[in-house]
Structures are given as structure tokens and as C-alpha cells.
Amino acid sequence: MNDLSVVIVNLNNKRLLEECLTSVIKNSQNISFEIIVIDNGSSDGSQEMLKTRFPSIKLIANQENFGFAKANNQGLAVASGRLLLLLNNDTIVKDKALDKMIEFLDRHPNVGACGPRLLNVDGTIQHQGGLFGKRFWLSKQPVAVDFVIGAALMVNKQVIDKIGLMDENLFFYNDDLDWCLRIRKAGWKIYFLPEAEITHYRGYSSKGIFNKKIFVEGFKGGLYFCRKHYGELVFHAYRCLLCLILCLTLPLQLFNPEKLKAYLAIISLSARGQIPAPVLK
């Protein structure tokens, strides 16, 4: 059994993926590890690059985009590590980051998952929370948190054995939030580790490009998450509020056809409540 399985989902991001893999290998010299890349139907030569540059990596080649949760689950299902790291393809692992995360989980069996400090490309600290709450990402000491984002999330295999894989109803966004909440409900703690640092490009490759599908799926996932964890009353109140806010801001999108279509799609989802009722786990 390996100490660590690194699971990376990729879609048309060959250059950053290559940098990411190089950084993982460089900083895993003292670790028994494997890397599993799930490619969601890339057309930019990502799969060919992997076979040529990194032949020892396990490649799962999908013919289409299965989304983040389902693709990660494909990797988690074949992973052999006692610890598993979900890692975005637009990240660069810095010196000793993985060692520090592994050491922390080994020393704290009551901690089910942990995440590093994420840095922007210019070295500044990246925002890792919501609109409200404590700014834990600025802490200088390890701190228990409600969640860490899936750009770099290390989980103990025993946790997955108990709570299950990621919820595949969440195509993109909110899947990490859902997983972390389930981890805490099962009795484990989640920690943020500032001494472990990973650079996160955070959409750098698609900067300035509006993606209607991702935008809609993000809101759809938020509605699903709300219904799953907070019940019907909160769900219906939230969808009505969301619908009202989007209707009020709709005129601002009149000169952007793609955003206008996205707003109308989300308003339709919110107004009708067309979100599947989750099977609670």
C-alpha cells in the first residue's frame, strides 16, 4: 500500500498539468506515492503528453466531461494509498507541503481531512472562505475549520470507507463543501495547515472567459447542497431569494448574451425548484 494517492482531474490544461505533475514528483521523494490522472475528454494533447512524459502515472481516459465529482470518484475507486489527495491540475506543490500534510494526519487520528495554505501566482495568500466567517487562511497555526476547498484536499482512506465517495449530483463546485460537511457529521475534524503551501492558479488558464455551463452548474449545485443538508423549508426559501436577486440584476446582463442566457437558466431552475431531492448519506 502506498502512503499517498494523488488524484488529479484534467480537461484541456496540458501545460499547467505538466507543471503540476512535475512539482508533485519533485516534492514526493520521501513518500511512497502514486498519481492518478482522470482526463475528461481533453482535445489539447493532454493524454499524449501524459503517456510520453509520465508513463508511470495511472491514466483514466474519459471520452467526455464527467464533471469534477464523478471523475474524482473514478480515481478514488482505484487508489491504493492510505491517504488520498485531491489536487487541482492548476496547482504547484511547494517544498515539503505533502510531507507536512501527511505528518499532521498521522499525528492526529481524530482529523479526517486537511488542506494547505493556497497562494496566488504572485505569492500572496489566496482567499479560501466564504463571504462571512473567520479568515482562517490568514492563520499562522493549524486551525480546525468547517471545510477546505478541493483544490488541495487530503483525506484519510478510513474516512472515505465510512462516508463514501463524492456526491456525483454535484457536477462542478460545492462537491468539496458537501464532502467536508459529511466528514464532520461523521465525527472527524478538518484542519487548515498554513505551514504547507501550494500555489493555485485558480482559473488562470480561463481568465476572462465566461463559461455558461460552469456558472449554471455552480448555482444548481448550491441549490442541491442546500436541499440536501438543510431541508425543504430552507431550500424553498433560498431558491425564492435567489430567484428574486437574479431577477433584479437581470437588466445588467442585457448586453452580454451568454450571461443573460445563464441568468435565465438559473432563474428558471430556482422558480420551478427543478433540483433533484438528494439521497442523504
C-alpha atoms as a PDB file:
ATOM      1  CA  MET A   1       0.000   0.000   0.000  1.00  0.00           C
ATOM      2  CA  ASN A   2       1.230   3.478  -0.865  1.00  0.00           C
ATOM      3  CA  ASP A   3       1.320   6.245   1.711  1.00  0.00           C
ATOM      4  CA  LEU A   4      -0.386   8.621  -0.682  1.00  0.00           C
ATOM      5  CA  SER A   5      -2.538   8.548  -3.807  1.00  0.00           C
ATOM      6  CA  VAL A   6      -2.675  11.868  -5.659  1.00  0.00           C
ATOM      7  CA  VAL A   7      -5.868  12.193  -7.720  1.00  0.00           C
ATOM      8  CA  ILE A   8      -5.969  14.884 -10.413  1.00  0.00           C
ATOM      9  CA  VAL A   9      -8.805  15.687 -12.805  1.00  0.00           C
ATOM     10  CA  ASN A  10      -7.837  17.318 -16.098  1.00  0.00           C
ATOM     11  CA  LEU A  11      -9.633  18.911 -19.024  1.00  0.00           C
ATOM     12  CA  ASN A  12      -7.659  20.664 -21.771  1.00  0.00           C
ATOM     13  CA  ASN A  13      -4.991  22.041 -19.464  1.00  0.00           C
ATOM     14  CA  LYS A  14      -1.868  20.307 -20.735  1.00  0.00           C
ATOM     15  CA  ARG A  15       0.685  22.983 -19.832  1.00  0.00           C
ATOM     16  CA  LEU A  16      -0.417  23.528 -16.236  1.00  0.00           C
ATOM     17  CA  LEU A  17      -0.978  19.809 -15.714  1.00  0.00           C
ATOM     18  CA  GLU A  18       2.615  19.115 -16.729  1.00  0.00           C
ATOM     19  CA  GLU A  19       3.876  21.736 -14.267  1.00  0.00           C
ATOM     20  CA  CYS A  20       1.647  20.332 -11.541  1.00  0.00           C
ATOM     21  CA  LEU A  21       2.849  16.744 -12.023  1.00  0.00           C
ATOM     22  CA  THR A  22       6.484  17.829 -12.089  1.00  0.00           C
ATOM     23  CA  SER A  23       6.032  19.631  -8.763  1.00  0.00           C
ATOM     24  CA  VAL A  24       4.293  16.627  -7.167  1.00  0.00           C
ATOM     25  CA  ILE A  25       7.067  14.232  -8.187  1.00  0.00           C
ATOM     26  CA  LYS A  26       9.799  16.669  -7.131  1.00  0.00           C
ATOM     27  CA  ASN A  27       8.263  17.051  -3.668  1.00  0.00           C
ATOM     28  CA  SER A  28       7.415  13.388  -3.028  1.00  0.00           C
ATOM     29  CA  GLN A  29      10.919  11.935  -2.815  1.00  0.00           C
ATOM     30  CA  ASN A  30      10.419  10.676   0.752  1.00  0.00           C
ATOM     31  CA  ILE A  31       6.893   9.396   0.185  1.00  0.00           C
ATOM     32  CA  SER A  32       5.559   6.124  -1.184  1.00  0.00           C
ATOM     33  CA  PHE A  33       3.038   7.511  -3.655  1.00  0.00           C
ATOM     34  CA  GLU A  34       1.088   7.067  -6.866  1.00  0.00           C
ATOM     35  CA  ILE A  35      -0.512   9.603  -9.180  1.00  0.00           C
ATOM     36  CA  ILE A  36      -3.840   9.015 -10.886  1.00  0.00           C
ATOM     37  CA  VAL A  37      -4.957  11.421 -13.598  1.00  0.00           C
ATOM     38  CA  ILE A  38      -8.550  11.346 -14.821  1.00  0.00           C
ATOM     39  CA  ASP A  39      -8.804  13.101 -18.176  1.00  0.00           C
ATOM     40  CA  ASN A  40     -12.311  14.305 -19.015  1.00  0.00           C
ATOM     41  CA  GLY A  41     -12.052  14.088 -22.787  1.00  0.00           C
ATOM     42  CA  SER A  42      -9.257  16.589 -23.497  1.00  0.00           C
ATOM     43  CA  SER A  43      -8.541  17.555 -27.101  1.00  0.00           C
ATOM     44  CA  ASP A  44      -5.323  19.520 -26.455  1.00  0.00           C
ATOM     45  CA  GLY A  45      -2.899  16.594 -26.375  1.00  0.00           C
ATOM     46  CA  SER A  46      -3.020  16.140 -22.595  1.00  0.00           C
ATOM     47  CA  GLN A  47      -3.311  12.359 -22.815  1.00  0.00           C
ATOM     48  CA  GLU A  48      -0.442  12.075 -25.290  1.00  0.00           C
ATOM     49  CA  MET A  49       1.729  14.266 -23.043  1.00  0.00           C
ATOM     50  CA  LEU A  50       0.974  12.045 -20.051  1.00  0.00           C
ATOM     51  CA  LYS A  51       1.873   8.863 -21.910  1.00  0.00           C
ATOM     52  CA  THR A  52       5.137  10.372 -23.160  1.00  0.00           C
ATOM     53  CA  ARG A  53       6.340  12.447 -20.185  1.00  0.00           C
ATOM     54  CA  PHE A  54       4.835  10.481 -17.291  1.00  0.00           C
ATOM     55  CA  PRO A  55       4.400   6.839 -18.374  1.00  0.00           C
ATOM     56  CA  SER A  56       4.219   5.533 -14.783  1.00  0.00           C
ATOM     57  CA  ILE A  57       1.143   7.606 -13.966  1.00  0.00           C
ATOM     58  CA  LYS A  58      -2.221   5.851 -13.956  1.00  0.00           C
ATOM     59  CA  LEU A  59      -4.377   7.453 -16.634  1.00  0.00           C
ATOM     60  CA  ILE A  60      -8.150   7.117 -16.771  1.00  0.00           C
ATOM     61  CA  ALA A  61      -9.206   8.491 -20.161  1.00  0.00           C
ATOM     62  CA  ASN A  62     -12.864   9.505 -20.378  1.00  0.00           C
ATOM     63  CA  GLN A  63     -14.469  10.224 -23.731  1.00  0.00           C
ATOM     64  CA  GLU A  64     -16.459  13.158 -22.340  1.00  0.00           C
ATOM     65  CA  ASN A  65     -16.518  15.614 -19.444  1.00  0.00           C
ATOM     66  CA  PHE A  66     -17.910  13.719 -16.448  1.00  0.00           C
ATOM     67  CA  GLY A  67     -17.529  16.662 -14.103  1.00  0.00           C
ATOM     68  CA  PHE A  68     -15.342  17.026 -11.035  1.00  0.00           C
ATOM     69  CA  ALA A  69     -17.039  14.723  -8.529  1.00  0.00           C
ATOM     70  CA  LYS A  70     -17.602  11.750 -10.833  1.00  0.00           C
ATOM     71  CA  ALA A  71     -14.093  11.959 -12.289  1.00  0.00           C
ATOM     72  CA  ASN A  72     -12.537  12.186  -8.828  1.00  0.00           C
ATOM     73  CA  ASN A  73     -14.575   9.169  -7.760  1.00  0.00           C
ATOM     74  CA  GLN A  74     -13.116   7.200 -10.668  1.00  0.00           C
ATOM     75  CA  GLY A  75      -9.649   7.918  -9.317  1.00  0.00           C
ATOM     76  CA  LEU A  76     -10.543   7.329  -5.676  1.00  0.00           C
ATOM     77  CA  ALA A  77     -12.056   3.947  -6.589  1.00  0.00           C
ATOM     78  CA  VAL A  78      -8.710   2.605  -7.873  1.00  0.00           C
ATOM     79  CA  ALA A  79      -6.430   4.428  -5.421  1.00  0.00           C
ATOM     80  CA  SER A  80      -4.230   2.283  -3.174  1.00  0.00           C
ATOM     81  CA  GLY A  81      -2.974   4.923  -0.747  1.00  0.00           C
ATOM     82  CA  ARG A  82      -3.868   5.033   2.930  1.00  0.00           C
ATOM     83  CA  LEU A  83      -4.155   8.801   2.397  1.00  0.00           C
ATOM     84  CA  LEU A  84      -5.687  10.415  -0.675  1.00  0.00           C
ATOM     85  CA  LEU A  85      -5.055  13.892  -2.062  1.00  0.00           C
ATOM     86  CA  LEU A  86      -7.491  15.603  -4.389  1.00  0.00           C
ATOM     87  CA  LEU A  87      -5.347  18.078  -6.298  1.00  0.00           C
ATOM     88  CA  ASN A  88      -6.338  20.561  -8.993  1.00  0.00           C
ATOM     89  CA  ASN A  89      -4.381  20.462 -12.227  1.00  0.00           C
ATOM     90  CA  ASP A  90      -3.641  24.193 -11.881  1.00  0.00           C
ATOM     91  CA  THR A  91      -1.571  23.850  -8.706  1.00  0.00           C
ATOM     92  CA  ILE A  92       2.149  23.802  -7.935  1.00  0.00           C
ATOM     93  CA  VAL A  93       3.191  21.856  -4.843  1.00  0.00           C
ATOM     94  CA  LYS A  94       5.826  23.705  -2.821  1.00  0.00           C
ATOM     95  CA  ASP A  95       8.682  22.250  -0.776  1.00  0.00           C
ATOM     96  CA  LYS A  96       7.644  19.699   1.897  1.00  0.00           C
ATOM     97  CA  ALA A  97       3.920  20.554   1.591  1.00  0.00           C
ATOM     98  CA  LEU A  98       2.836  16.939   1.137  1.00  0.00           C
ATOM     99  CA  ASP A  99       5.162  15.675   3.884  1.00  0.00           C
ATOM    100  CA  LYS A 100       3.677  18.190   6.330  1.00  0.00           C
ATOM    101  CA  MET A 101       0.108  17.241   5.490  1.00  0.00           C
ATOM    102  CA  ILE A 102       0.821  13.516   5.828  1.00  0.00           C
ATOM    103  CA  GLU A 103       2.677  14.022   9.117  1.00  0.00           C
ATOM    104  CA  PHE A 104      -0.211  16.063  10.541  1.00  0.00           C
ATOM    105  CA  LEU A 105      -2.856  13.463   9.683  1.00  0.00           C
ATOM    106  CA  ASP A 106      -0.670  10.677  11.071  1.00  0.00           C
ATOM    107  CA  ARG A 107      -0.239  12.558  14.381  1.00  0.00           C
ATOM    108  CA  HIS A 108      -3.944  13.397  14.704  1.00  0.00           C
ATOM    109  CA  PRO A 109      -6.206  10.361  14.119  1.00  0.00           C
ATOM    110  CA  ASN A 110      -9.266  12.451  15.002  1.00  0.00           C
ATOM    111  CA  VAL A 111      -8.623  14.631  11.945  1.00  0.00           C
ATOM    112  CA  GLY A 112     -10.236  13.196   8.825  1.00  0.00           C
ATOM    113  CA  ALA A 113      -9.019  15.733   6.283  1.00  0.00           C
ATOM    114  CA  CYS A 114      -6.723  18.714   5.923  1.00  0.00           C
ATOM    115  CA  GLY A 115      -5.819  21.368   3.420  1.00  0.00           C
ATOM    116  CA  PRO A 116      -2.787  23.619   2.853  1.00  0.00           C
ATOM    117  CA  ARG A 117      -2.456  27.360   2.565  1.00  0.00           C
ATOM    118  CA  LEU A 118      -3.128  28.273  -1.064  1.00  0.00           C
ATOM    119  CA  LEU A 119      -1.061  31.013  -2.672  1.00  0.00           C
ATOM    120  CA  ASN A 120      -1.744  33.131  -5.719  1.00  0.00           C
ATOM    121  CA  VAL A 121       0.812  33.112  -8.536  1.00  0.00           C
ATOM    122  CA  ASP A 122       2.355  36.322  -7.157  1.00  0.00           C
ATOM    123  CA  GLY A 123       2.889  34.687  -3.752  1.00  0.00           C
ATOM    124  CA  THR A 124       0.050  36.437  -1.921  1.00  0.00           C
ATOM    125  CA  ILE A 125      -2.306  34.412   0.267  1.00  0.00           C
ATOM    126  CA  GLN A 126      -5.408  33.204  -1.542  1.00  0.00           C
ATOM    127  CA  HIS A 127      -8.904  33.706  -0.126  1.00  0.00           C
ATOM    128  CA  GLN A 128     -10.222  30.272   0.899  1.00  0.00           C
ATOM    129  CA  GLY A 129     -13.507  31.014   2.638  1.00  0.00           C
ATOM    130  CA  GLY A 130     -16.991  32.299   2.003  1.00  0.00           C
ATOM    131  CA  LEU A 131     -18.281  35.840   2.328  1.00  0.00           C
ATOM    132  CA  PHE A 132     -18.637  35.565   6.085  1.00  0.00           C
ATOM    133  CA  GLY A 133     -16.848  33.881   8.966  1.00  0.00           C
ATOM    134  CA  LYS A 134     -13.306  33.778  10.282  1.00  0.00           C
ATOM    135  CA  ARG A 135     -10.435  34.418   7.866  1.00  0.00           C
ATOM    136  CA  PHE A 136      -8.759  31.123   8.759  1.00  0.00           C
ATOM    137  CA  TRP A 137      -6.498  31.202   5.701  1.00  0.00           C
ATOM    138  CA  LEU A 138      -4.516  34.007   7.362  1.00  0.00           C
ATOM    139  CA  SER A 139      -3.785  31.924  10.461  1.00  0.00           C
ATOM    140  CA  LYS A 140      -0.160  31.139  11.318  1.00  0.00           C
ATOM    141  CA  GLN A 141      -1.088  27.992  13.259  1.00  0.00           C
ATOM    142  CA  PRO A 142      -3.038  24.857  12.303  1.00  0.00           C
ATOM    143  CA  VAL A 143      -6.707  25.544  12.913  1.00  0.00           C
ATOM    144  CA  ALA A 144      -9.899  23.474  12.836  1.00  0.00           C
ATOM    145  CA  VAL A 145     -12.237  24.673  10.085  1.00  0.00           C
ATOM    146  CA  ASP A 146     -15.617  23.812   8.611  1.00  0.00           C
ATOM    147  CA  PHE A 147     -14.149  22.994   5.217  1.00  0.00           C
ATOM    148  CA  VAL A 148     -11.119  23.207   2.958  1.00  0.00           C
ATOM    149  CA  ILE A 149     -11.521  23.585  -0.779  1.00  0.00           C
ATOM    150  CA  GLY A 150     -10.994  20.711  -3.182  1.00  0.00           C
ATOM    151  CA  ALA A 151      -8.074  22.346  -4.993  1.00  0.00           C
ATOM    152  CA  ALA A 152      -5.852  20.528  -2.463  1.00  0.00           C
ATOM    153  CA  LEU A 153      -7.720  18.297  -0.027  1.00  0.00           C
ATOM    154  CA  MET A 154      -6.062  15.363   1.733  1.00  0.00           C
ATOM    155  CA  VAL A 155      -8.344  12.712   3.232  1.00  0.00           C
ATOM    156  CA  ASN A 156      -7.738   9.574   5.249  1.00  0.00           C
ATOM    157  CA  LYS A 157      -8.861   6.418   3.404  1.00  0.00           C
ATOM    158  CA  GLN A 158     -10.713   5.272   6.531  1.00  0.00           C
ATOM    159  CA  VAL A 159     -12.902   8.362   6.277  1.00  0.00           C
ATOM    160  CA  ILE A 160     -13.926   7.536   2.711  1.00  0.00           C
ATOM    161  CA  ASP A 161     -14.640   3.954   3.703  1.00  0.00           C
ATOM    162  CA  LYS A 162     -17.170   5.298   6.206  1.00  0.00           C
ATOM    163  CA  ILE A 163     -18.801   8.288   4.462  1.00  0.00           C
ATOM    164  CA  GLY A 164     -18.491   7.185   0.841  1.00  0.00           C
ATOM    165  CA  LEU A 165     -17.263   8.941  -2.284  1.00  0.00           C
ATOM    166  CA  MET A 166     -18.146  12.405  -3.568  1.00  0.00           C
ATOM    167  CA  ASP A 167     -21.763  13.171  -4.494  1.00  0.00           C
ATOM    168  CA  GLU A 168     -21.940  12.898  -8.284  1.00  0.00           C
ATOM    169  CA  ASN A 169     -25.088  15.026  -8.424  1.00  0.00           C
ATOM    170  CA  LEU A 170     -22.678  17.935  -7.957  1.00  0.00           C
ATOM    171  CA  PHE A 171     -21.106  18.365 -11.390  1.00  0.00           C
ATOM    172  CA  PHE A 172     -18.836  21.283 -10.556  1.00  0.00           C
ATOM    173  CA  TYR A 173     -18.487  23.326  -7.342  1.00  0.00           C
ATOM    174  CA  ASN A 174     -19.955  22.527  -3.903  1.00  0.00           C
ATOM    175  CA  ASP A 175     -18.771  18.901  -4.098  1.00  0.00           C
ATOM    176  CA  ASP A 176     -15.855  19.613  -1.752  1.00  0.00           C
ATOM    177  CA  LEU A 177     -18.123  21.548   0.614  1.00  0.00           C
ATOM    178  CA  ASP A 178     -20.574  18.631   0.697  1.00  0.00           C
ATOM    179  CA  TRP A 179     -17.776  16.138   1.353  1.00  0.00           C
ATOM    180  CA  CYS A 180     -16.317  18.196   4.186  1.00  0.00           C
ATOM    181  CA  LEU A 181     -19.702  18.559   5.857  1.00  0.00           C
ATOM    182  CA  ARG A 182     -20.226  14.807   5.666  1.00  0.00           C
ATOM    183  CA  ILE A 183     -16.759  14.249   7.158  1.00  0.00           C
ATOM    184  CA  ARG A 184     -17.592  16.482  10.129  1.00  0.00           C
ATOM    185  CA  LYS A 185     -21.031  14.909  10.587  1.00  0.00           C
ATOM    186  CA  ALA A 186     -19.285  11.528  10.831  1.00  0.00           C
ATOM    187  CA  GLY A 187     -17.242  12.802  13.777  1.00  0.00           C
ATOM    188  CA  TRP A 188     -13.898  13.809  12.284  1.00  0.00           C
ATOM    189  CA  LYS A 189     -12.299  17.227  12.351  1.00  0.00           C
ATOM    190  CA  ILE A 190     -10.962  19.152   9.374  1.00  0.00           C
ATOM    191  CA  TYR A 191      -7.814  21.260   9.662  1.00  0.00           C
ATOM    192  CA  PHE A 192      -6.178  24.069   7.722  1.00  0.00           C
ATOM    193  CA  LEU A 193      -2.358  23.803   7.724  1.00  0.00           C
ATOM    194  CA  PRO A 194      -0.608  27.120   6.997  1.00  0.00           C
ATOM    195  CA  GLU A 195       2.871  25.583   7.078  1.00  0.00           C
ATOM    196  CA  ALA A 196       2.013  23.504   3.996  1.00  0.00           C
ATOM    197  CA  GLU A 197       1.823  25.747   0.927  1.00  0.00           C
ATOM    198  CA  ILE A 198       0.583  25.108  -2.603  1.00  0.00           C
ATOM    199  CA  THR A 199       0.331  27.659  -5.393  1.00  0.00           C
ATOM    200  CA  HIS A 200      -3.085  27.705  -7.050  1.00  0.00           C
ATOM    201  CA  TYR A 201      -3.577  29.386 -10.419  1.00  0.00           C
ATOM    202  CA  ARG A 202      -7.339  29.461  -9.734  1.00  0.00           C
ATOM    203  CA  GLY A 203      -8.815  29.631 -13.216  1.00  0.00           C
ATOM    204  CA  TYR A 204      -5.745  31.326 -14.640  1.00  0.00           C
ATOM    205  CA  SER A 205      -5.989  29.445 -17.919  1.00  0.00           C
ATOM    206  CA  SER A 206      -9.587  30.601 -18.500  1.00  0.00           C
ATOM    207  CA  LYS A 207      -9.240  34.076 -17.040  1.00  0.00           C
ATOM    208  CA  GLY A 208     -11.706  36.488 -18.606  1.00  0.00           C
ATOM    209  CA  ILE A 209     -13.684  33.711 -20.307  1.00  0.00           C
ATOM    210  CA  PHE A 210     -17.307  33.254 -19.231  1.00  0.00           C
ATOM    211  CA  ASN A 211     -18.417  29.627 -19.129  1.00  0.00           C
ATOM    212  CA  LYS A 212     -22.197  29.344 -19.052  1.00  0.00           C
ATOM    213  CA  LYS A 213     -22.245  25.656 -18.073  1.00  0.00           C
ATOM    214  CA  ILE A 214     -19.905  26.113 -15.107  1.00  0.00           C
ATOM    215  CA  PHE A 215     -21.810  29.235 -13.998  1.00  0.00           C
ATOM    216  CA  VAL A 216     -25.182  27.470 -14.086  1.00  0.00           C
ATOM    217  CA  GLU A 217     -23.864  24.276 -12.511  1.00  0.00           C
ATOM    218  CA  GLY A 218     -22.378  26.312  -9.662  1.00  0.00           C
ATOM    219  CA  PHE A 219     -25.756  27.777  -8.720  1.00  0.00           C
ATOM    220  CA  LYS A 220     -27.513  24.473  -9.347  1.00  0.00           C
ATOM    221  CA  GLY A 221     -25.050  22.739  -7.041  1.00  0.00           C
ATOM    222  CA  GLY A 222     -25.650  25.359  -4.356  1.00  0.00           C
ATOM    223  CA  LEU A 223     -29.391  24.721  -4.505  1.00  0.00           C
ATOM    224  CA  TYR A 224     -28.841  20.968  -4.349  1.00  0.00           C
ATOM    225  CA  PHE A 225     -26.439  21.310  -1.416  1.00  0.00           C
ATOM    226  CA  CYS A 226     -28.946  23.480   0.461  1.00  0.00           C
ATOM    227  CA  ARG A 227     -31.753  20.972  -0.076  1.00  0.00           C
ATOM    228  CA  LYS A 228     -29.574  18.028   0.911  1.00  0.00           C
ATOM    229  CA  HIS A 229     -28.225  19.389   4.179  1.00  0.00           C
ATOM    230  CA  TYR A 230     -30.761  21.961   5.392  1.00  0.00           C
ATOM    231  CA  GLY A 231     -34.133  20.553   4.382  1.00  0.00           C
ATOM    232  CA  GLU A 232     -37.106  21.588   2.268  1.00  0.00           C
ATOM    233  CA  LEU A 233     -38.069  24.747   4.159  1.00  0.00           C
ATOM    234  CA  VAL A 234     -34.633  26.340   3.888  1.00  0.00           C
ATOM    235  CA  PHE A 235     -34.270  25.122   0.301  1.00  0.00           C
ATOM    236  CA  HIS A 236     -37.509  26.751  -0.860  1.00  0.00           C
ATOM    237  CA  ALA A 237     -36.702  29.989   0.979  1.00  0.00           C
ATOM    238  CA  TYR A 238     -33.243  30.076  -0.584  1.00  0.00           C
ATOM    239  CA  ARG A 239     -34.418  29.382  -4.130  1.00  0.00           C
ATOM    240  CA  CYS A 240     -37.065  32.118  -3.894  1.00  0.00           C
ATOM    241  CA  LEU A 241     -34.494  34.613  -2.597  1.00  0.00           C
ATOM    242  CA  LEU A 242     -32.027  33.620  -5.303  1.00  0.00           C
ATOM    243  CA  CYS A 243     -34.680  33.984  -7.974  1.00  0.00           C
ATOM    244  CA  LEU A 244     -35.573  37.473  -6.706  1.00  0.00           C
ATOM    245  CA  ILE A 245     -31.939  38.648  -6.625  1.00  0.00           C
ATOM    246  CA  LEU A 246     -31.238  37.354 -10.123  1.00  0.00           C
ATOM    247  CA  CYS A 247     -34.398  38.965 -11.495  1.00  0.00           C
ATOM    248  CA  LEU A 248     -33.387  42.316 -10.009  1.00  0.00           C
ATOM    249  CA  THR A 249     -29.894  42.097 -11.530  1.00  0.00           C
ATOM    250  CA  LEU A 250     -31.051  40.663 -14.870  1.00  0.00           C
ATOM    251  CA  PRO A 251     -31.088  44.057 -16.694  1.00  0.00           C
ATOM    252  CA  LEU A 252     -27.346  44.364 -16.051  1.00  0.00           C
ATOM    253  CA  GLN A 253     -26.778  41.350 -18.308  1.00  0.00           C
ATOM    254  CA  LEU A 254     -28.706  42.618 -21.348  1.00  0.00           C
ATOM    255  CA  PHE A 255     -25.524  43.438 -23.242  1.00  0.00           C
ATOM    256  CA  ASN A 256     -23.893  40.073 -22.519  1.00  0.00           C
ATOM    257  CA  PRO A 257     -25.896  37.356 -24.343  1.00  0.00           C
ATOM    258  CA  GLU A 258     -24.115  34.416 -22.700  1.00  0.00           C
ATOM    259  CA  LYS A 259     -24.564  35.754 -19.170  1.00  0.00           C
ATOM    260  CA  LEU A 260     -28.169  36.630 -19.966  1.00  0.00           C
ATOM    261  CA  LYS A 261     -28.849  33.036 -21.033  1.00  0.00           C
ATOM    262  CA  ALA A 262     -27.145  31.751 -17.890  1.00  0.00           C
ATOM    263  CA  TYR A 263     -29.165  34.054 -15.634  1.00  0.00           C
ATOM    264  CA  LEU A 264     -32.410  32.989 -17.309  1.00  0.00           C
ATOM    265  CA  ALA A 265     -31.492  29.312 -16.885  1.00  0.00           C
ATOM    266  CA  ILE A 266     -30.794  29.787 -13.165  1.00  0.00           C
ATOM    267  CA  ILE A 267     -33.971  31.816 -12.673  1.00  0.00           C
ATOM    268  CA  SER A 268     -35.937  29.000 -14.309  1.00  0.00           C
ATOM    269  CA  LEU A 269     -34.286  26.395 -12.063  1.00  0.00           C
ATOM    270  CA  SER A 270     -34.897  28.497  -8.963  1.00  0.00           C
ATOM    271  CA  ALA A 271     -38.509  29.375  -9.766  1.00  0.00           C
ATOM    272  CA  ARG A 272     -39.515  25.810 -10.560  1.00  0.00           C
ATOM    273  CA  GLY A 273     -37.349  24.134  -7.920  1.00  0.00           C
ATOM    274  CA  GLN A 274     -36.048  21.695 -10.526  1.00  0.00           C
ATOM    275  CA  ILE A 275     -33.394  20.263  -8.271  1.00  0.00           C
ATOM    276  CA  PRO A 276     -33.352  16.519  -7.511  1.00  0.00           C
ATOM    277  CA  ALA A 277     -34.165  15.575  -3.937  1.00  0.00           C
ATOM    278  CA  PRO A 278     -30.891  14.137  -2.595  1.00  0.00           C
ATOM    279  CA  VAL A 279     -30.462  10.712  -1.075  1.00  0.00           C
ATOM    280  CA  LEU A 280     -28.956  11.553   2.308  1.00  0.00           C
ATOM    281  CA  LYS A 281     -25.776   9.745   3.342  1.00  0.00           C
END
